[in-house]
Amino acid sequence: MKPIAKGSWPAVSIVPCKNACEAARKLSEQRFLARSAPRLPLPGCDRQDQCQCKYARYSDRRGGARRSEDRFDAKRSTATGERRRPGERRERR
């Protein structure tokens, strides 16, 4: 296995097989850091001898952007907005 680069957060999710156990189905929508993902077959699997569940790999644990700067264009006006005119300075209080 390749070493993981510093600052990267590779992740996996469980892809249940056709005859998946309840434990695999419950965890199928959850992403885990690759280093801390549960081993397959899962400990609670009642079909361990037939288990064909797999991992889906992702480059990041997060599903989408979480910071407002990542989700929206930073140049768009914000709720607070800039009220000064160009060249205007702030007054000291």
PDB file of N, CA and C in Angstrom:
ATOM      1  N   MET A   1       0.832  -1.177   0.000  1.00  0.00           N
ATOM      2  CA  MET A   1       0.000   0.000   0.000  1.00  0.00           C
ATOM      3  C   MET A   1       0.878   1.242   0.000  1.00  0.00           C
ATOM      4  N   LYS A   2       0.499   2.249  -0.804  1.00  0.00           N
ATOM      5  CA  LYS A   2       1.289   3.473  -0.904  1.00  0.00           C
ATOM      6  C   LYS A   2       1.179   4.289   0.376  1.00  0.00           C
ATOM      7  N   PRO A   3       2.256   4.997   0.763  1.00  0.00           N
ATOM      8  CA  PRO A   3       2.161   5.873   1.926  1.00  0.00           C
ATOM      9  C   PRO A   3       1.198   7.021   1.639  1.00  0.00           C
ATOM     10  N   ILE A   4       0.501   7.452   2.661  1.00  0.00           N
ATOM     11  CA  ILE A   4      -0.487   8.516   2.530  1.00  0.00           C
ATOM     12  C   ILE A   4       0.202   9.857   2.710  1.00  0.00           C
ATOM     13  N   ALA A   5      -0.037  10.770   1.785  1.00  0.00           N
ATOM     14  CA  ALA A   5       0.579  12.087   1.833  1.00  0.00           C
ATOM     15  C   ALA A   5       0.066  12.882   3.030  1.00  0.00           C
ATOM     16  N   LYS A   6       0.957  13.679   3.610  1.00  0.00           N
ATOM     17  CA  LYS A   6       0.571  14.515   4.742  1.00  0.00           C
ATOM     18  C   LYS A   6      -0.475  15.524   4.274  1.00  0.00           C
ATOM     19  N   GLY A   7      -1.527  15.700   5.054  1.00  0.00           N
ATOM     20  CA  GLY A   7      -2.579  16.640   4.697  1.00  0.00           C
ATOM     21  C   GLY A   7      -3.677  16.041   3.847  1.00  0.00           C
ATOM     22  N   SER A   8      -3.562  14.779   3.498  1.00  0.00           N
ATOM     23  CA  SER A   8      -4.633  14.146   2.733  1.00  0.00           C
ATOM     24  C   SER A   8      -5.478  13.289   3.668  1.00  0.00           C
ATOM     25  N   TRP A   9      -6.734  13.099   3.317  1.00  0.00           N
ATOM     26  CA  TRP A   9      -7.660  12.376   4.177  1.00  0.00           C
ATOM     27  C   TRP A   9      -8.388  11.310   3.366  1.00  0.00           C
ATOM     28  N   PRO A  10      -7.684  10.289   2.865  1.00  0.00           N
ATOM     29  CA  PRO A  10      -8.351   9.266   2.073  1.00  0.00           C
ATOM     30  C   PRO A  10      -9.400   8.534   2.909  1.00  0.00           C
ATOM     31  N   ALA A  11     -10.479   8.190   2.259  1.00  0.00           N
ATOM     32  CA  ALA A  11     -11.594   7.574   2.965  1.00  0.00           C
ATOM     33  C   ALA A  11     -12.161   6.415   2.171  1.00  0.00           C
ATOM     34  N   VAL A  12     -12.983   5.626   2.841  1.00  0.00           N
ATOM     35  CA  VAL A  12     -13.686   4.514   2.206  1.00  0.00           C
ATOM     36  C   VAL A  12     -15.114   4.469   2.730  1.00  0.00           C
ATOM     37  N   SER A  13     -15.963   3.852   1.954  1.00  0.00           N
ATOM     38  CA  SER A  13     -17.303   3.514   2.428  1.00  0.00           C
ATOM     39  C   SER A  13     -17.534   2.057   2.057  1.00  0.00           C
ATOM     40  N   ILE A  14     -18.466   1.439   2.721  1.00  0.00           N
ATOM     41  CA  ILE A  14     -18.745   0.027   2.482  1.00  0.00           C
ATOM     42  C   ILE A  14     -19.801  -0.090   1.396  1.00  0.00           C
ATOM     43  N   VAL A  15     -19.508  -0.913   0.399  1.00  0.00           N
ATOM     44  CA  VAL A  15     -20.464  -1.209  -0.665  1.00  0.00           C
ATOM     45  C   VAL A  15     -20.998  -2.606  -0.373  1.00  0.00           C
ATOM     46  N   PRO A  16     -22.244  -2.697   0.097  1.00  0.00           N
ATOM     47  CA  PRO A  16     -22.782  -4.002   0.460  1.00  0.00           C
ATOM     48  C   PRO A  16     -22.962  -4.904  -0.766  1.00  0.00           C
ATOM     49  N   CYS A  17     -22.727  -6.180  -0.585  1.00  0.00           N
ATOM     50  CA  CYS A  17     -22.925  -7.138  -1.668  1.00  0.00           C
ATOM     51  C   CYS A  17     -24.419  -7.464  -1.803  1.00  0.00           C
ATOM     52  N   LYS A  18     -24.734  -8.303  -2.731  1.00  0.00           N
ATOM     53  CA  LYS A  18     -26.131  -8.659  -3.013  1.00  0.00           C
ATOM     54  C   LYS A  18     -26.832  -9.245  -1.782  1.00  0.00           C
ATOM     55  N   ASN A  19     -26.157 -10.113  -1.064  1.00  0.00           N
ATOM     56  CA  ASN A  19     -26.719 -10.768   0.125  1.00  0.00           C
ATOM     57  C   ASN A  19     -26.130 -10.177   1.404  1.00  0.00           C
ATOM     58  N   ALA A  20     -25.984  -8.868   1.448  1.00  0.00           N
ATOM     59  CA  ALA A  20     -25.311  -8.213   2.570  1.00  0.00           C
ATOM     60  C   ALA A  20     -26.087  -8.354   3.876  1.00  0.00           C
ATOM     61  N   CYS A  21     -25.335  -8.369   4.953  1.00  0.00           N
ATOM     62  CA  CYS A  21     -25.935  -8.429   6.281  1.00  0.00           C
ATOM     63  C   CYS A  21     -26.468  -7.050   6.670  1.00  0.00           C
ATOM     64  N   GLU A  22     -27.217  -6.998   7.729  1.00  0.00           N
ATOM     65  CA  GLU A  22     -27.800  -5.750   8.206  1.00  0.00           C
ATOM     66  C   GLU A  22     -26.711  -4.757   8.635  1.00  0.00           C
ATOM     67  N   ALA A  23     -25.639  -5.250   9.224  1.00  0.00           N
ATOM     68  CA  ALA A  23     -24.551  -4.378   9.671  1.00  0.00           C
ATOM     69  C   ALA A  23     -23.935  -3.632   8.489  1.00  0.00           C
ATOM     70  N   ALA A  24     -23.722  -4.304   7.372  1.00  0.00           N
ATOM     71  CA  ALA A  24     -23.144  -3.666   6.184  1.00  0.00           C
ATOM     72  C   ALA A  24     -24.111  -2.658   5.585  1.00  0.00           C
ATOM     73  N   ARG A  25     -25.378  -2.979   5.570  1.00  0.00           N
ATOM     74  CA  ARG A  25     -26.370  -2.044   5.014  1.00  0.00           C
ATOM     75  C   ARG A  25     -26.463  -0.768   5.843  1.00  0.00           C
ATOM     76  N   LYS A  26     -26.379  -0.897   7.156  1.00  0.00           N
ATOM     77  CA  LYS A  26     -26.455   0.280   8.035  1.00  0.00           C
ATOM     78  C   LYS A  26     -25.261   1.208   7.835  1.00  0.00           C
ATOM     79  N   LEU A  27     -24.097   0.649   7.559  1.00  0.00           N
ATOM     80  CA  LEU A  27     -22.880   1.446   7.424  1.00  0.00           C
ATOM     81  C   LEU A  27     -22.592   1.891   5.995  1.00  0.00           C
ATOM     82  N   SER A  28     -23.433   1.520   5.040  1.00  0.00           N
ATOM     83  CA  SER A  28     -23.137   1.781   3.633  1.00  0.00           C
ATOM     84  C   SER A  28     -23.108   3.261   3.269  1.00  0.00           C
ATOM     85  N   GLU A  29     -23.815   4.109   3.966  1.00  0.00           N
ATOM     86  CA  GLU A  29     -23.848   5.539   3.655  1.00  0.00           C
ATOM     87  C   GLU A  29     -22.792   6.339   4.412  1.00  0.00           C
ATOM     88  N   GLN A  30     -22.031   5.697   5.252  1.00  0.00           N
ATOM     89  CA  GLN A  30     -21.063   6.383   6.105  1.00  0.00           C
ATOM     90  C   GLN A  30     -19.661   6.273   5.515  1.00  0.00           C
ATOM     91  N   ARG A  31     -18.918   7.374   5.562  1.00  0.00           N
ATOM     92  CA  ARG A  31     -17.518   7.348   5.140  1.00  0.00           C
ATOM     93  C   ARG A  31     -16.621   7.234   6.362  1.00  0.00           C
ATOM     94  N   PHE A  32     -15.567   6.461   6.198  1.00  0.00           N
ATOM     95  CA  PHE A  32     -14.588   6.253   7.267  1.00  0.00           C
ATOM     96  C   PHE A  32     -13.226   6.677   6.762  1.00  0.00           C
ATOM     97  N   LEU A  33     -12.390   7.218   7.644  1.00  0.00           N
ATOM     98  CA  LEU A  33     -11.005   7.430   7.264  1.00  0.00           C
ATOM     99  C   LEU A  33     -10.427   6.065   6.925  1.00  0.00           C
ATOM    100  N   ALA A  34      -9.656   5.998   5.872  1.00  0.00           N
ATOM    101  CA  ALA A  34      -9.149   4.711   5.392  1.00  0.00           C
ATOM    102  C   ALA A  34      -8.397   3.947   6.485  1.00  0.00           C
ATOM    103  N   ARG A  35      -7.672   4.660   7.298  1.00  0.00           N
ATOM    104  CA  ARG A  35      -6.890   4.007   8.358  1.00  0.00           C
ATOM    105  C   ARG A  35      -7.754   3.425   9.468  1.00  0.00           C
ATOM    106  N   SER A  36      -8.961   3.976   9.664  1.00  0.00           N
ATOM    107  CA  SER A  36      -9.788   3.519  10.783  1.00  0.00           C
ATOM    108  C   SER A  36     -11.074   2.826  10.335  1.00  0.00           C
ATOM    109  N   ALA A  37     -11.143   2.415   9.088  1.00  0.00           N
ATOM    110  CA  ALA A  37     -12.334   1.725   8.581  1.00  0.00           C
ATOM    111  C   ALA A  37     -12.447   0.328   9.198  1.00  0.00           C
ATOM    112  N   PRO A  38     -13.668  -0.124   9.431  1.00  0.00           N
ATOM    113  CA  PRO A  38     -13.825  -1.482   9.961  1.00  0.00           C
ATOM    114  C   PRO A  38     -13.404  -2.514   8.907  1.00  0.00           C
ATOM    115  N   ARG A  39     -12.832  -3.599   9.375  1.00  0.00           N
ATOM    116  CA  ARG A  39     -12.385  -4.651   8.463  1.00  0.00           C
ATOM    117  C   ARG A  39     -13.589  -5.431   7.949  1.00  0.00           C
ATOM    118  N   LEU A  40     -13.455  -5.916   6.726  1.00  0.00           N
ATOM    119  CA  LEU A  40     -14.492  -6.752   6.123  1.00  0.00           C
ATOM    120  C   LEU A  40     -14.065  -8.202   6.186  1.00  0.00           C
ATOM    121  N   PRO A  41     -14.956  -9.106   6.436  1.00  0.00           N
ATOM    122  CA  PRO A  41     -16.351  -8.936   6.810  1.00  0.00           C
ATOM    123  C   PRO A  41     -16.464  -8.276   8.185  1.00  0.00           C
ATOM    124  N   LEU A  42     -17.531  -7.521   8.354  1.00  0.00           N
ATOM    125  CA  LEU A  42     -17.756  -6.786   9.591  1.00  0.00           C
ATOM    126  C   LEU A  42     -17.909  -7.736  10.773  1.00  0.00           C
ATOM    127  N   PRO A  43     -17.533  -7.295  11.972  1.00  0.00           N
ATOM    128  CA  PRO A  43     -17.649  -8.160  13.156  1.00  0.00           C
ATOM    129  C   PRO A  43     -19.065  -8.680  13.388  1.00  0.00           C
ATOM    130  N   GLY A  44     -20.092  -7.892  13.083  1.00  0.00           N
ATOM    131  CA  GLY A  44     -21.465  -8.325  13.304  1.00  0.00           C
ATOM    132  C   GLY A  44     -22.079  -9.069  12.124  1.00  0.00           C
ATOM    133  N   CYS A  45     -21.280  -9.393  11.130  1.00  0.00           N
ATOM    134  CA  CYS A  45     -21.792 -10.057   9.919  1.00  0.00           C
ATOM    135  C   CYS A  45     -22.199 -11.495  10.222  1.00  0.00           C
ATOM    136  N   ASP A  46     -23.430 -11.840   9.840  1.00  0.00           N
ATOM    137  CA  ASP A  46     -23.891 -13.214  10.061  1.00  0.00           C
ATOM    138  C   ASP A  46     -23.685 -14.082   8.817  1.00  0.00           C
ATOM    139  N   ARG A  47     -23.027 -13.534   7.801  1.00  0.00           N
ATOM    140  CA  ARG A  47     -22.745 -14.271   6.557  1.00  0.00           C
ATOM    141  C   ARG A  47     -21.254 -14.192   6.217  1.00  0.00           C
ATOM    142  N   GLN A  48     -20.413 -14.319   7.209  1.00  0.00           N
ATOM    143  CA  GLN A  48     -18.976 -14.115   7.022  1.00  0.00           C
ATOM    144  C   GLN A  48     -18.365 -15.055   5.988  1.00  0.00           C
ATOM    145  N   ASP A  49     -18.865 -16.249   5.871  1.00  0.00           N
ATOM    146  CA  ASP A  49     -18.306 -17.188   4.891  1.00  0.00           C
ATOM    147  C   ASP A  49     -18.733 -16.856   3.458  1.00  0.00           C
ATOM    148  N   GLN A  50     -19.790 -16.041   3.280  1.00  0.00           N
ATOM    149  CA  GLN A  50     -20.290 -15.686   1.951  1.00  0.00           C
ATOM    150  C   GLN A  50     -20.106 -14.204   1.633  1.00  0.00           C
ATOM    151  N   CYS A  51     -19.555 -13.436   2.539  1.00  0.00           N
ATOM    152  CA  CYS A  51     -19.470 -11.976   2.401  1.00  0.00           C
ATOM    153  C   CYS A  51     -18.632 -11.585   1.185  1.00  0.00           C
ATOM    154  N   GLN A  52     -19.197 -10.729   0.353  1.00  0.00           N
ATOM    155  CA  GLN A  52     -18.488 -10.183  -0.804  1.00  0.00           C
ATOM    156  C   GLN A  52     -18.559  -8.652  -0.804  1.00  0.00           C
ATOM    157  N   CYS A  53     -18.823  -8.065   0.355  1.00  0.00           N
ATOM    158  CA  CYS A  53     -18.872  -6.610   0.468  1.00  0.00           C
ATOM    159  C   CYS A  53     -17.490  -6.039   0.140  1.00  0.00           C
ATOM    160  N   LYS A  54     -17.473  -4.817  -0.373  1.00  0.00           N
ATOM    161  CA  LYS A  54     -16.219  -4.176  -0.777  1.00  0.00           C
ATOM    162  C   LYS A  54     -16.178  -2.752  -0.250  1.00  0.00           C
ATOM    163  N   TYR A  55     -15.032  -2.116  -0.458  1.00  0.00           N
ATOM    164  CA  TYR A  55     -14.860  -0.712  -0.116  1.00  0.00           C
ATOM    165  C   TYR A  55     -14.929   0.127  -1.385  1.00  0.00           C
ATOM    166  N   ALA A  56     -15.549   1.290  -1.278  1.00  0.00           N
ATOM    167  CA  ALA A  56     -15.454   2.318  -2.317  1.00  0.00           C
ATOM    168  C   ALA A  56     -14.452   3.332  -1.784  1.00  0.00           C
ATOM    169  N   ARG A  57     -13.505   3.737  -2.609  1.00  0.00           N
ATOM    170  CA  ARG A  57     -12.443   4.637  -2.149  1.00  0.00           C
ATOM    171  C   ARG A  57     -12.716   6.072  -2.578  1.00  0.00           C
ATOM    172  N   TYR A  58     -12.351   7.014  -1.696  1.00  0.00           N
ATOM    173  CA  TYR A  58     -12.513   8.451  -1.938  1.00  0.00           C
ATOM    174  C   TYR A  58     -11.230   9.156  -1.543  1.00  0.00           C
ATOM    175  N   SER A  59     -10.952  10.280  -2.181  1.00  0.00           N
ATOM    176  CA  SER A  59      -9.729  11.026  -1.858  1.00  0.00           C
ATOM    177  C   SER A  59      -9.885  11.845  -0.583  1.00  0.00           C
ATOM    178  N   ASP A  60     -11.130  12.078  -0.162  1.00  0.00           N
ATOM    179  CA  ASP A  60     -11.372  12.904   1.015  1.00  0.00           C
ATOM    180  C   ASP A  60     -12.560  12.336   1.781  1.00  0.00           C
ATOM    181  N   ARG A  61     -12.518  12.450   3.105  1.00  0.00           N
ATOM    182  CA  ARG A  61     -13.603  11.928   3.934  1.00  0.00           C
ATOM    183  C   ARG A  61     -14.877  12.741   3.769  1.00  0.00           C
ATOM    184  N   ARG A  62     -14.723  14.036   3.515  1.00  0.00           N
ATOM    185  CA  ARG A  62     -15.894  14.894   3.371  1.00  0.00           C
ATOM    186  C   ARG A  62     -16.587  14.625   2.043  1.00  0.00           C
ATOM    187  N   GLY A  63     -17.903  14.666   2.081  1.00  0.00           N
ATOM    188  CA  GLY A  63     -18.664  14.435   0.863  1.00  0.00           C
ATOM    189  C   GLY A  63     -18.697  15.636  -0.055  1.00  0.00           C
ATOM    190  N   GLY A  64     -18.634  16.823   0.501  1.00  0.00           N
ATOM    191  CA  GLY A  64     -18.690  18.040  -0.287  1.00  0.00           C
ATOM    192  C   GLY A  64     -18.000  19.167   0.430  1.00  0.00           C
ATOM    193  N   ALA A  65     -18.101  20.346  -0.128  1.00  0.00           N
ATOM    194  CA  ALA A  65     -17.469  21.514   0.478  1.00  0.00           C
ATOM    195  C   ALA A  65     -18.151  21.834   1.801  1.00  0.00           C
ATOM    196  N   ARG A  66     -17.373  22.215   2.793  1.00  0.00           N
ATOM    197  CA  ARG A  66     -17.941  22.515   4.107  1.00  0.00           C
ATOM    198  C   ARG A  66     -17.781  23.983   4.459  1.00  0.00           C
ATOM    199  N   ARG A  67     -16.812  24.638   3.885  1.00  0.00           N
ATOM    200  CA  ARG A  67     -16.594  26.046   4.186  1.00  0.00           C
ATOM    201  C   ARG A  67     -17.428  26.899   3.249  1.00  0.00           C
ATOM    202  N   SER A  68     -17.922  27.997   3.755  1.00  0.00           N
ATOM    203  CA  SER A  68     -18.745  28.863   2.915  1.00  0.00           C
ATOM    204  C   SER A  68     -17.956  29.381   1.723  1.00  0.00           C
ATOM    205  N   GLU A  69     -16.642  29.598   1.879  1.00  0.00           N
ATOM    206  CA  GLU A  69     -15.828  30.058   0.764  1.00  0.00           C
ATOM    207  C   GLU A  69     -15.758  29.006  -0.332  1.00  0.00           C
ATOM    208  N   ASP A  70     -15.818  27.746   0.039  1.00  0.00           N
ATOM    209  CA  ASP A  70     -15.768  26.666  -0.944  1.00  0.00           C
ATOM    210  C   ASP A  70     -17.091  26.512  -1.674  1.00  0.00           C
ATOM    211  N   ARG A  71     -18.186  26.855  -1.018  1.00  0.00           N
ATOM    212  CA  ARG A  71     -19.507  26.663  -1.599  1.00  0.00           C
ATOM    213  C   ARG A  71     -19.966  27.829  -2.459  1.00  0.00           C
ATOM    214  N   PHE A  72     -19.524  29.030  -2.131  1.00  0.00           N
ATOM    215  CA  PHE A  72     -19.987  30.223  -2.818  1.00  0.00           C
ATOM    216  C   PHE A  72     -18.814  31.018  -3.350  1.00  0.00           C
ATOM    217  N   ASP A  73     -19.079  31.818  -4.330  1.00  0.00           N
ATOM    218  CA  ASP A  73     -18.066  32.707  -4.859  1.00  0.00           C
ATOM    219  C   ASP A  73     -17.782  33.774  -3.811  1.00  0.00           C
ATOM    220  N   ALA A  74     -16.540  33.931  -3.406  1.00  0.00           N
ATOM    221  CA  ALA A  74     -16.184  34.868  -2.346  1.00  0.00           C
ATOM    222  C   ALA A  74     -16.440  36.321  -2.750  1.00  0.00           C
ATOM    223  N   LYS A  75     -16.494  36.606  -4.034  1.00  0.00           N
ATOM    224  CA  LYS A  75     -16.705  37.982  -4.480  1.00  0.00           C
ATOM    225  C   LYS A  75     -18.163  38.408  -4.417  1.00  0.00           C
ATOM    226  N   ARG A  76     -19.070  37.455  -4.287  1.00  0.00           N
ATOM    227  CA  ARG A  76     -20.483  37.818  -4.177  1.00  0.00           C
ATOM    228  C   ARG A  76     -20.720  38.564  -2.889  1.00  0.00           C
ATOM    229  N   SER A  77     -21.751  39.391  -2.873  1.00  0.00           N
ATOM    230  CA  SER A  77     -22.028  40.153  -1.661  1.00  0.00           C
ATOM    231  C   SER A  77     -22.459  39.209  -0.542  1.00  0.00           C
ATOM    232  N   THR A  78     -22.089  39.567   0.665  1.00  0.00           N
ATOM    233  CA  THR A  78     -22.445  38.764   1.829  1.00  0.00           C
ATOM    234  C   THR A  78     -23.555  39.464   2.589  1.00  0.00           C
ATOM    235  N   ALA A  79     -24.032  38.848   3.624  1.00  0.00           N
ATOM    236  CA  ALA A  79     -25.122  39.421   4.414  1.00  0.00           C
ATOM    237  C   ALA A  79     -24.694  40.730   5.064  1.00  0.00           C
ATOM    238  N   THR A  80     -23.455  40.806   5.551  1.00  0.00           N
ATOM    239  CA  THR A  80     -22.990  42.035   6.189  1.00  0.00           C
ATOM    240  C   THR A  80     -22.581  43.062   5.152  1.00  0.00           C
ATOM    241  N   GLY A  81     -21.952  42.632   4.094  1.00  0.00           N
ATOM    242  CA  GLY A  81     -21.588  43.522   3.000  1.00  0.00           C
ATOM    243  C   GLY A  81     -20.635  44.632   3.405  1.00  0.00           C
ATOM    244  N   GLU A  82     -20.002  45.232   2.454  1.00  0.00           N
ATOM    245  CA  GLU A  82     -19.090  46.348   2.683  1.00  0.00           C
ATOM    246  C   GLU A  82     -19.876  47.631   2.476  1.00  0.00           C
ATOM    247  N   ARG A  83     -19.920  48.482   3.508  1.00  0.00           N
ATOM    248  CA  ARG A  83     -20.704  49.713   3.419  1.00  0.00           C
ATOM    249  C   ARG A  83     -19.851  50.942   3.111  1.00  0.00           C
ATOM    250  N   ARG A  84     -18.533  50.780   3.171  1.00  0.00           N
ATOM    251  CA  ARG A  84     -17.678  51.921   2.858  1.00  0.00           C
ATOM    252  C   ARG A  84     -17.614  52.126   1.349  1.00  0.00           C
ATOM    253  N   ARG A  85     -17.386  53.357   0.972  1.00  0.00           N
ATOM    254  CA  ARG A  85     -17.181  53.675  -0.436  1.00  0.00           C
ATOM    255  C   ARG A  85     -15.707  53.451  -0.765  1.00  0.00           C
ATOM    256  N   PRO A  86     -15.381  53.214  -2.016  1.00  0.00           N
ATOM    257  CA  PRO A  86     -13.966  53.039  -2.379  1.00  0.00           C
ATOM    258  C   PRO A  86     -13.136  54.223  -1.937  1.00  0.00           C
ATOM    259  N   GLY A  87     -12.026  53.982  -1.280  1.00  0.00           N
ATOM    260  CA  GLY A  87     -11.140  55.040  -0.807  1.00  0.00           C
ATOM    261  C   GLY A  87     -11.496  55.574   0.561  1.00  0.00           C
ATOM    262  N   GLU A  88     -12.632  55.223   1.082  1.00  0.00           N
ATOM    263  CA  GLU A  88     -13.082  55.700   2.390  1.00  0.00           C
ATOM    264  C   GLU A  88     -12.382  54.903   3.485  1.00  0.00           C
ATOM    265  N   ARG A  89     -11.993  55.581   4.573  1.00  0.00           N
ATOM    266  CA  ARG A  89     -11.301  54.913   5.672  1.00  0.00           C
ATOM    267  C   ARG A  89     -12.250  54.739   6.849  1.00  0.00           C
ATOM    268  N   ARG A  90     -11.923  53.818   7.708  1.00  0.00           N
ATOM    269  CA  ARG A  90     -12.704  53.628   8.920  1.00  0.00           C
ATOM    270  C   ARG A  90     -12.380  54.701   9.927  1.00  0.00           C
ATOM    271  N   GLU A  91     -13.377  55.101  10.683  1.00  0.00           N
ATOM    272  CA  GLU A  91     -13.160  56.106  11.721  1.00  0.00           C
ATOM    273  C   GLU A  91     -12.779  55.411  13.022  1.00  0.00           C
ATOM    274  N   ARG A  92     -11.940  56.096  13.804  1.00  0.00           N
ATOM    275  CA  ARG A  92     -11.577  55.555  15.114  1.00  0.00           C
ATOM    276  C   ARG A  92     -12.647  55.948  16.099  1.00  0.00           C
ATOM    277  N   ARG A  93     -12.914  55.072  17.019  1.00  0.00           N
ATOM    278  CA  ARG A  93     -13.933  55.353  18.040  1.00  0.00           C
ATOM    279  C   ARG A  93     -13.290  55.669  19.341  1.00  0.00           C
TER     280      ARG A  93
END
